[in-house]
């Protein structure tokens, strides 16, 4: 696309040199202005969008390549504007190259055929036609078509090969990520659930001791989340960004700390993406503070945590309880940021990394804290 635009620009510069040298003919200047206008309409939007408009290319073919030569014959009659190698007829070279790049083979063939048919038809009505010049013009158009078509085919082929190589690399990285996830889960199970069961099975601790029962409850909750999670089926389709940390691991640690306070948590994770480390830390700290508020103020020992990957690599975390709730519009509510804990540890931390937090609560109806990154 850029190559064809530069091709046209070179033709326009050469045409301006011919039209503006010696005695300036207003008719030639008007024709050149028309070619420039069509070129701007065709190439500027294409360079901005990254693709050619079919209507713009056909306008270039029909106006620049087919109509303006007849206009030149009618208003000028002969000279550089209508000569086989004249400045106006040369514009059809870049027109043909653009058509080859923009259209499929049928559209390109039709456009090139119209351009080739225009040249002998125009020169047939001139007082002194130049057959050899017309043949040279045909040869120039054919050369441009061949070069543009070959270059476009090669570039597209290289792009497809690059896309295929990138796809293989992404698939390999995804497989490695899945393997790393499985390895991390196996290690966590070995260090927690399996170690506890082995100790109880060996009879080295009293299975009814409160500390053992509390640990078993925490590890059962972790195992339940692991089984229910869809994380293993929704790993990110590509390599993690530079400096990415384990968002799932950071949030799991926050849940473990809350369970150590005596909370019973029901958690679900779905398509949790890899996130920058500072975002993982902010989310984990905000979730910890929200669960601390549940433990201290909600009047319930049960909460639900949902973590869902959002569009564009974002994430949404929801902490909900069915406790006593509070009036977010009253003192300590949203007017003051939901209290010091919610204002500094939840809203403040999320805002510092480009996220946002919402608190929805009503007396007797529980509380919902929603965290979003990015905002």
Protein backbone atom coordinates (compact mmCIF):
# COMPACT_ATOMS: atom_id res chain seq x y z
CA UNK A 1 0.00 0.00 0.00
CA UNK A 2 2.72 2.47 0.98
CA UNK A 3 4.73 1.44 -2.06
CA UNK A 4 1.85 2.23 -4.43
CA UNK A 5 1.28 5.55 -2.67
CA UNK A 6 4.94 6.46 -3.15
CA UNK A 7 4.67 5.31 -6.79
CA UNK A 8 1.78 7.73 -7.36
CA UNK A 9 3.56 10.51 -5.50
CA UNK A 10 6.59 10.13 -7.78
CA UNK A 11 4.33 10.36 -10.85
CA UNK A 12 2.61 13.46 -9.49
CA UNK A 13 5.91 15.19 -8.78
CA UNK A 14 7.11 14.42 -12.31
CA UNK A 15 3.79 15.63 -13.74
CA UNK A 16 4.01 18.89 -11.78
CA UNK A 17 7.49 19.47 -13.17
CA UNK A 18 6.20 19.07 -16.73
CA UNK A 19 3.02 21.13 -16.31
CA UNK A 20 4.65 24.05 -14.49
CA UNK A 21 7.76 24.44 -16.65
CA UNK A 22 8.03 27.20 -19.26
CA UNK A 23 4.59 28.42 -20.30
CA UNK A 24 1.90 27.28 -17.84
CA UNK A 25 -1.31 25.99 -19.44
CA UNK A 26 -4.34 26.44 -17.20
CA UNK A 27 -6.04 23.42 -18.76
CA UNK A 28 -3.14 21.14 -17.85
CA UNK A 29 -3.07 22.59 -14.33
CA UNK A 30 -6.79 21.80 -13.95
CA UNK A 31 -6.22 18.20 -15.13
CA UNK A 32 -3.32 17.80 -12.70
CA UNK A 33 -5.50 19.16 -9.88
CA UNK A 34 -8.14 16.53 -10.68
CA UNK A 35 -5.53 13.75 -10.54
CA UNK A 36 -4.24 15.09 -7.21
CA UNK A 37 -7.77 15.24 -5.77
CA UNK A 38 -8.51 11.64 -6.77
CA UNK A 39 -5.14 10.56 -5.35
CA UNK A 40 -5.84 12.22 -2.00
CA UNK A 41 -9.30 10.62 -1.79
CA UNK A 42 -7.81 7.20 -2.56
CA UNK A 43 -4.52 7.07 -0.67
CA UNK A 44 -4.99 9.18 2.47
CA UNK A 45 -7.92 7.14 3.91
CA UNK A 46 -6.16 3.92 2.87
CA UNK A 47 -3.01 4.86 4.76
CA UNK A 48 -5.09 5.75 7.83
CA UNK A 49 -7.28 2.60 7.76
CA UNK A 50 -4.64 0.18 6.50
CA UNK A 51 -6.65 -1.01 3.48
CA UNK A 52 -7.91 0.33 0.14
CA UNK A 53 -11.54 1.23 -0.44
CA UNK A 54 -12.87 -0.57 -3.52
CA UNK A 55 -14.88 2.53 -4.45
CA UNK A 56 -11.77 4.69 -4.22
CA UNK A 57 -9.72 2.34 -6.42
CA UNK A 58 -12.47 2.14 -9.06
CA UNK A 59 -12.75 5.95 -8.99
CA UNK A 60 -9.02 6.15 -9.65
CA UNK A 61 -9.26 3.64 -12.51
CA UNK A 62 -12.28 5.23 -14.17
CA UNK A 63 -11.39 8.90 -13.60
CA UNK A 64 -7.58 9.02 -13.70
CA UNK A 65 -6.98 6.12 -16.06
CA UNK A 66 -10.00 6.28 -18.39
CA UNK A 67 -11.92 9.58 -18.27
CA UNK A 68 -9.23 12.26 -17.90
CA UNK A 69 -7.29 11.17 -21.03
CA UNK A 70 -10.46 11.74 -23.09
CA UNK A 71 -10.98 15.07 -21.35
CA UNK A 72 -7.40 16.00 -22.29
CA UNK A 73 -8.07 15.07 -25.93
CA UNK A 74 -11.20 17.21 -25.93
CA UNK A 75 -9.80 20.34 -24.25
CA UNK A 76 -6.11 20.19 -25.24
CA UNK A 77 -5.98 17.95 -28.31
CA UNK A 78 -2.37 16.89 -28.20
CA UNK A 79 0.85 17.36 -26.30
CA UNK A 80 2.38 15.99 -23.12
CA UNK A 81 -1.00 15.35 -21.50
CA UNK A 82 -2.08 12.75 -24.09
CA UNK A 83 1.25 11.46 -25.46
CA UNK A 84 1.92 7.75 -24.75
CA UNK A 85 4.64 8.75 -22.29
CA UNK A 86 2.97 12.01 -21.28
CA UNK A 87 2.47 12.98 -17.68
CA UNK A 88 -1.25 12.12 -17.68
CA UNK A 89 -1.01 8.70 -19.32
CA UNK A 90 1.82 7.72 -16.96
CA UNK A 91 -0.59 7.96 -14.01
CA UNK A 92 -2.22 4.74 -15.23
CA UNK A 93 0.93 2.82 -14.17
CA UNK A 94 0.36 3.51 -10.46
CA UNK A 95 -3.38 3.06 -11.02
CA UNK A 96 -2.77 -0.47 -12.37
CA UNK A 97 -0.40 -1.31 -9.50
CA UNK A 98 -2.97 -0.16 -6.92
CA UNK A 99 -5.74 -2.20 -8.56
CA UNK A 100 -3.58 -5.35 -8.44
CA UNK A 101 -2.90 -4.82 -4.73
CA UNK A 102 -6.49 -3.88 -3.78
CA UNK A 103 -8.59 -6.34 -5.83
CA UNK A 104 -8.82 -10.07 -6.30
CA UNK A 105 -7.69 -11.35 -9.66
CA UNK A 106 -11.01 -10.77 -11.46
CA UNK A 107 -11.34 -7.16 -10.33
CA UNK A 108 -7.68 -6.51 -11.03
CA UNK A 109 -7.95 -8.07 -14.51
CA UNK A 110 -10.96 -5.89 -15.35
CA UNK A 111 -9.25 -2.72 -14.14
CA UNK A 112 -6.05 -3.46 -16.09
CA UNK A 113 -8.09 -4.30 -19.20
CA UNK A 114 -9.87 -0.92 -19.00
CA UNK A 115 -6.54 0.87 -18.65
CA UNK A 116 -5.02 -1.02 -21.58
CA UNK A 117 -8.07 -0.35 -23.76
CA UNK A 118 -8.03 3.38 -23.05
CA UNK A 119 -4.53 3.98 -24.40
CA UNK A 120 -5.02 2.79 -28.04
CA UNK A 121 -8.53 4.27 -28.17
CA UNK A 122 -7.26 7.69 -27.15
CA UNK A 123 -4.30 7.63 -29.48
CA UNK A 124 -6.41 6.45 -32.40
CA UNK A 125 -8.17 9.84 -32.52
CA UNK A 126 -4.98 11.92 -32.31
CA UNK A 127 -3.82 13.73 -35.45
CA UNK A 128 -0.48 11.88 -35.35
CA UNK A 129 -0.86 8.56 -33.51
CA UNK A 130 2.29 6.84 -32.27
CA UNK A 131 1.86 3.00 -32.40
CA UNK A 132 5.32 2.31 -31.00
CA UNK A 133 4.60 4.62 -28.08
CA UNK A 134 1.37 2.77 -27.37
CA UNK A 135 3.22 -0.55 -27.34
CA UNK A 136 5.77 0.90 -24.93
CA UNK A 137 2.90 2.10 -22.76
CA UNK A 138 1.42 -1.42 -22.79
CA UNK A 139 4.79 -2.84 -21.78
CA UNK A 140 5.12 -0.36 -18.91
CA UNK A 141 1.67 -1.22 -17.55
CA UNK A 142 2.39 -4.98 -17.82
CA UNK A 143 5.69 -4.50 -15.98
CA UNK A 144 3.99 -2.57 -13.18
CA UNK A 145 1.29 -5.22 -12.88
CA UNK A 146 3.86 -8.02 -12.69
CA UNK A 147 6.00 -6.24 -10.10
CA UNK A 148 3.04 -5.22 -7.96
CA UNK A 149 1.44 -8.67 -8.14
CA UNK A 150 4.70 -10.49 -7.38
CA UNK A 151 5.57 -8.16 -4.51
CA UNK A 152 2.09 -8.42 -3.03
CA UNK A 153 2.12 -12.24 -3.26
CA UNK A 154 5.55 -12.48 -1.62
CA UNK A 155 4.66 -10.07 1.18
CA UNK A 156 1.38 -11.85 1.89
CA UNK A 157 3.10 -15.25 1.87
CA UNK A 158 5.74 -14.05 4.33
CA UNK A 159 2.99 -12.65 6.55
CA UNK A 160 1.16 -15.97 6.57
CA UNK A 161 4.36 -17.83 7.44
CA UNK A 162 5.04 -15.37 10.25
CA UNK A 163 1.48 -15.77 11.59
CA UNK A 164 1.84 -19.55 11.53
CA UNK A 165 5.16 -19.37 13.40
CA UNK A 166 3.64 -17.01 15.95
CA UNK A 167 0.68 -19.35 16.41
CA UNK A 168 3.00 -22.29 17.07
CA UNK A 169 4.98 -20.24 19.58
CA UNK A 170 1.79 -19.18 21.38
CA UNK A 171 0.53 -22.77 21.50
CA UNK A 172 3.86 -23.95 22.91
CA UNK A 173 3.87 -21.20 25.52
CA UNK A 174 0.28 -22.05 26.49
CA UNK A 175 1.23 -25.71 26.91
CA UNK A 176 4.16 -24.69 29.10
CA UNK A 177 1.86 -22.48 31.16
CA UNK A 178 -0.58 -25.35 31.66
CA UNK A 179 2.24 -27.63 32.72
CA UNK A 180 3.53 -24.99 35.14
CA UNK A 181 0.01 -24.60 36.54
CA UNK A 182 -0.32 -28.33 37.08
CA UNK A 183 3.11 -28.47 38.71
CA UNK A 184 2.20 -25.61 41.05
CA UNK A 185 -1.07 -27.32 42.03
CA UNK A 186 0.71 -30.62 42.64
CA UNK A 187 3.29 -28.89 44.83
CA UNK A 188 0.56 -27.08 46.77
CA UNK A 189 -1.34 -30.33 47.32
CA UNK A 190 1.86 -32.05 48.47
CA UNK A 191 2.70 -29.28 50.93
CA UNK A 192 -0.80 -28.90 52.36
CA UNK A 193 -3.45 -31.59 51.97
CA UNK A 194 -1.11 -34.56 51.51
CA UNK A 195 1.16 -33.49 54.37
CA UNK A 196 -1.80 -33.13 56.72
CA UNK A 197 -3.29 -36.50 55.75
CA UNK A 198 0.09 -38.22 56.11
CA UNK A 199 0.58 -36.76 59.59
CA UNK A 200 -2.91 -37.82 60.71
CA UNK A 201 -2.53 -41.26 59.14
CA UNK A 202 0.78 -41.82 60.98
CA UNK A 203 -0.98 -41.07 64.26
CA UNK A 204 1.46 -38.34 65.20
CA UNK A 205 -1.31 -35.83 65.97
CA UNK A 206 -4.79 -35.95 67.45
CA UNK A 207 -7.23 -35.68 64.56
CA UNK A 208 -9.83 -34.13 66.88
CA UNK A 209 -7.56 -31.36 68.11
CA UNK A 210 -9.02 -27.91 67.30
CA UNK A 211 -5.86 -26.77 65.49
CA UNK A 212 -5.83 -29.89 63.30
CA UNK A 213 -9.54 -29.58 62.52
CA UNK A 214 -9.07 -25.90 61.62
CA UNK A 215 -6.19 -26.75 59.30
CA UNK A 216 -8.17 -29.54 57.68
CA UNK A 217 -11.08 -27.14 57.09
CA UNK A 218 -8.81 -24.58 55.41
CA UNK A 219 -7.17 -27.18 53.20
CA UNK A 220 -10.53 -28.74 52.30
CA UNK A 221 -11.73 -25.31 51.17
CA UNK A 222 -8.59 -24.89 49.08
CA UNK A 223 -9.05 -28.36 47.53
CA UNK A 224 -12.70 -27.59 46.79
CA UNK A 225 -11.75 -24.39 44.98
CA UNK A 226 -9.11 -26.25 43.04
CA UNK A 227 -11.58 -28.89 41.89
CA UNK A 228 -14.33 -26.40 41.02
CA UNK A 229 -12.02 -23.96 39.28
CA UNK A 230 -12.05 -23.69 35.51
CA UNK A 231 -8.60 -22.18 35.54
CA UNK A 232 -6.97 -25.26 34.03
CA UNK A 233 -9.20 -24.93 30.97
CA UNK A 234 -8.88 -21.18 30.50
CA UNK A 235 -5.21 -20.36 30.61
CA UNK A 236 -4.18 -17.20 28.79
CA UNK A 237 -3.65 -17.78 25.06
CA UNK A 238 -0.18 -16.40 24.92
CA UNK A 239 2.91 -15.65 26.96
CA UNK A 240 2.52 -13.64 30.18
CA UNK A 241 3.50 -10.00 30.00
CA UNK A 242 6.86 -8.88 31.29
CA UNK A 243 6.88 -8.78 35.09
CA UNK A 244 3.64 -10.69 35.34
CA UNK A 245 2.89 -12.44 38.60
CA UNK A 246 0.48 -15.14 39.59
CA UNK A 247 -2.83 -13.39 40.22
CA UNK A 248 -4.44 -16.68 41.23
CA UNK A 249 -1.65 -17.43 43.73
CA UNK A 250 -1.81 -13.95 45.27
CA UNK A 251 -5.58 -14.14 45.73
CA UNK A 252 -5.37 -17.69 47.13
CA UNK A 253 -2.94 -16.43 49.76
CA UNK A 254 -5.41 -13.68 50.71
CA UNK A 255 -8.16 -16.29 51.06
CA UNK A 256 -5.91 -18.48 53.24
CA UNK A 257 -5.27 -15.56 55.57
CA UNK A 258 -8.99 -14.87 55.83
CA UNK A 259 -9.74 -18.54 56.55
CA UNK A 260 -7.16 -18.40 59.35
CA UNK A 261 -9.40 -15.73 60.94
CA UNK A 262 -12.25 -18.24 61.04
CA UNK A 263 -14.10 -17.25 57.88
CA UNK A 264 -15.71 -19.87 55.67
CA UNK A 265 -15.16 -18.90 52.06
CA UNK A 266 -16.74 -20.08 48.84
CA UNK A 267 -14.52 -19.01 45.98
CA UNK A 268 -14.71 -19.41 42.23
CA UNK A 269 -12.02 -18.55 39.68
CA UNK A 270 -12.72 -18.29 35.97
CA UNK A 271 -10.19 -17.41 33.25
CA UNK A 272 -7.97 -15.41 35.59
CA UNK A 273 -5.35 -13.67 33.40
CA UNK A 274 -1.71 -13.05 34.17
CA UNK A 275 -1.37 -9.58 35.65
CA UNK A 276 1.49 -7.23 36.52
CA UNK A 277 2.90 -7.90 39.98
CA UNK A 278 1.81 -4.56 41.41
CA UNK A 279 -1.77 -5.25 40.29
CA UNK A 280 -1.70 -8.72 41.89
CA UNK A 281 -0.45 -7.23 45.17
CA UNK A 282 -3.08 -4.48 45.13
CA UNK A 283 -5.91 -6.92 44.42
CA UNK A 284 -4.74 -9.34 47.13
CA UNK A 285 -4.46 -6.54 49.69
CA UNK A 286 -7.88 -5.14 48.76
CA UNK A 287 -9.50 -8.59 49.03
CA UNK A 288 -7.81 -9.15 52.42
CA UNK A 289 -9.19 -5.86 53.72
CA UNK A 290 -12.68 -6.60 52.38
CA UNK A 291 -12.63 -10.01 54.12
CA UNK A 292 -11.27 -8.42 57.30
CA UNK A 293 -14.30 -6.13 57.28
CA UNK A 294 -16.54 -9.17 56.92
CA UNK A 295 -14.84 -10.81 59.91
CA UNK A 296 -14.99 -7.69 62.11
CA UNK A 297 -18.25 -5.99 61.16
CA UNK A 298 -20.57 -8.13 59.04
CA UNK A 299 -21.86 -10.41 61.79
CA UNK A 300 -21.35 -13.50 59.64
CA UNK A 301 -18.52 -15.98 59.16
CA UNK A 302 -19.32 -16.80 55.53
CA UNK A 303 -18.41 -14.93 52.37
CA UNK A 304 -18.23 -15.61 48.65
CA UNK A 305 -15.33 -14.52 46.43
CA UNK A 306 -15.60 -14.58 42.64
CA UNK A 307 -12.69 -13.84 40.32
CA UNK A 308 -13.43 -13.51 36.60
CA UNK A 309 -11.14 -12.52 33.78
CA UNK A 310 -12.51 -9.55 31.88
CA UNK A 311 -12.12 -8.34 28.32
CA UNK A 312 -8.74 -7.11 27.18
CA UNK A 313 -6.81 -8.92 29.90
CA UNK A 314 -8.62 -7.24 32.80
CA UNK A 315 -10.12 -8.85 35.88
CA UNK A 316 -13.15 -8.43 38.13
CA UNK A 317 -13.16 -9.58 41.76
CA UNK A 318 -16.32 -9.66 43.87
CA UNK A 319 -16.44 -10.16 47.65
CA UNK A 320 -20.00 -10.66 48.94
CA UNK A 321 -21.49 -11.49 52.31
CA UNK A 322 -25.01 -11.73 53.76
CA UNK A 323 -24.20 -9.96 56.98
CA UNK A 324 -25.80 -7.01 58.69
CA UNK A 325 -24.67 -4.54 56.02
CA UNK A 326 -24.53 -0.77 56.51
CA UNK A 327 -25.80 2.46 55.03
CA UNK A 328 -23.26 3.55 52.41
CA UNK A 329 -24.73 7.06 52.35
CA UNK A 330 -24.32 7.58 56.10
CA UNK A 331 -21.27 8.25 58.28
CA UNK A 332 -18.53 5.80 57.40
CA UNK A 333 -20.27 4.96 54.16
CA UNK A 334 -19.52 6.01 50.63
CA UNK A 335 -19.46 9.65 51.59
CA UNK A 336 -16.19 9.02 53.43
CA UNK A 337 -15.01 6.27 51.17
CA UNK A 338 -16.71 3.45 53.02
CA UNK A 339 -14.62 3.87 56.20
CA UNK A 340 -10.86 4.08 56.57
CA UNK A 341 -10.31 0.42 55.64
CA UNK A 342 -12.36 0.55 52.46
CA UNK A 343 -11.09 4.02 51.54
CA UNK A 344 -7.38 3.39 51.96
CA UNK A 345 -6.89 -0.35 51.67
CA UNK A 346 -9.49 -1.04 48.98
CA UNK A 347 -10.30 2.03 46.92
CA UNK A 348 -6.89 3.64 47.42
CA UNK A 349 -4.90 0.56 46.45
CA UNK A 350 -6.98 -0.09 43.33
CA UNK A 351 -6.78 3.54 42.25
CA UNK A 352 -3.00 3.49 42.62
CA UNK A 353 -2.68 0.77 39.95
CA UNK A 354 -5.38 2.08 37.62
CA UNK A 355 -8.31 0.10 39.02
CA UNK A 356 -11.56 1.00 40.72
CA UNK A 357 -13.61 -0.36 43.63
CA UNK A 358 -17.36 -0.18 44.25
CA UNK A 359 -19.17 -0.88 47.52
CA UNK A 360 -22.86 -1.75 47.61
CA UNK A 361 -24.47 -2.37 50.98
CA UNK A 362 -27.83 -1.93 52.75
CA UNK A 363 -28.69 -2.54 56.39
CA UNK A 364 -29.81 -6.13 56.84
CA UNK A 365 -28.96 -7.09 53.24
CA UNK A 366 -25.23 -7.72 53.34
CA UNK A 367 -22.37 -6.08 51.45
CA UNK A 368 -20.84 -6.48 48.01
CA UNK A 369 -17.37 -5.14 47.21
CA UNK A 370 -16.51 -5.15 43.52
CA UNK A 371 -12.95 -4.63 42.30
CA UNK A 372 -12.11 -3.97 38.65
CA UNK A 373 -8.79 -3.64 36.86
CA UNK A 374 -8.34 -1.69 34.71
CA UNK A 375 -10.93 0.88 35.71
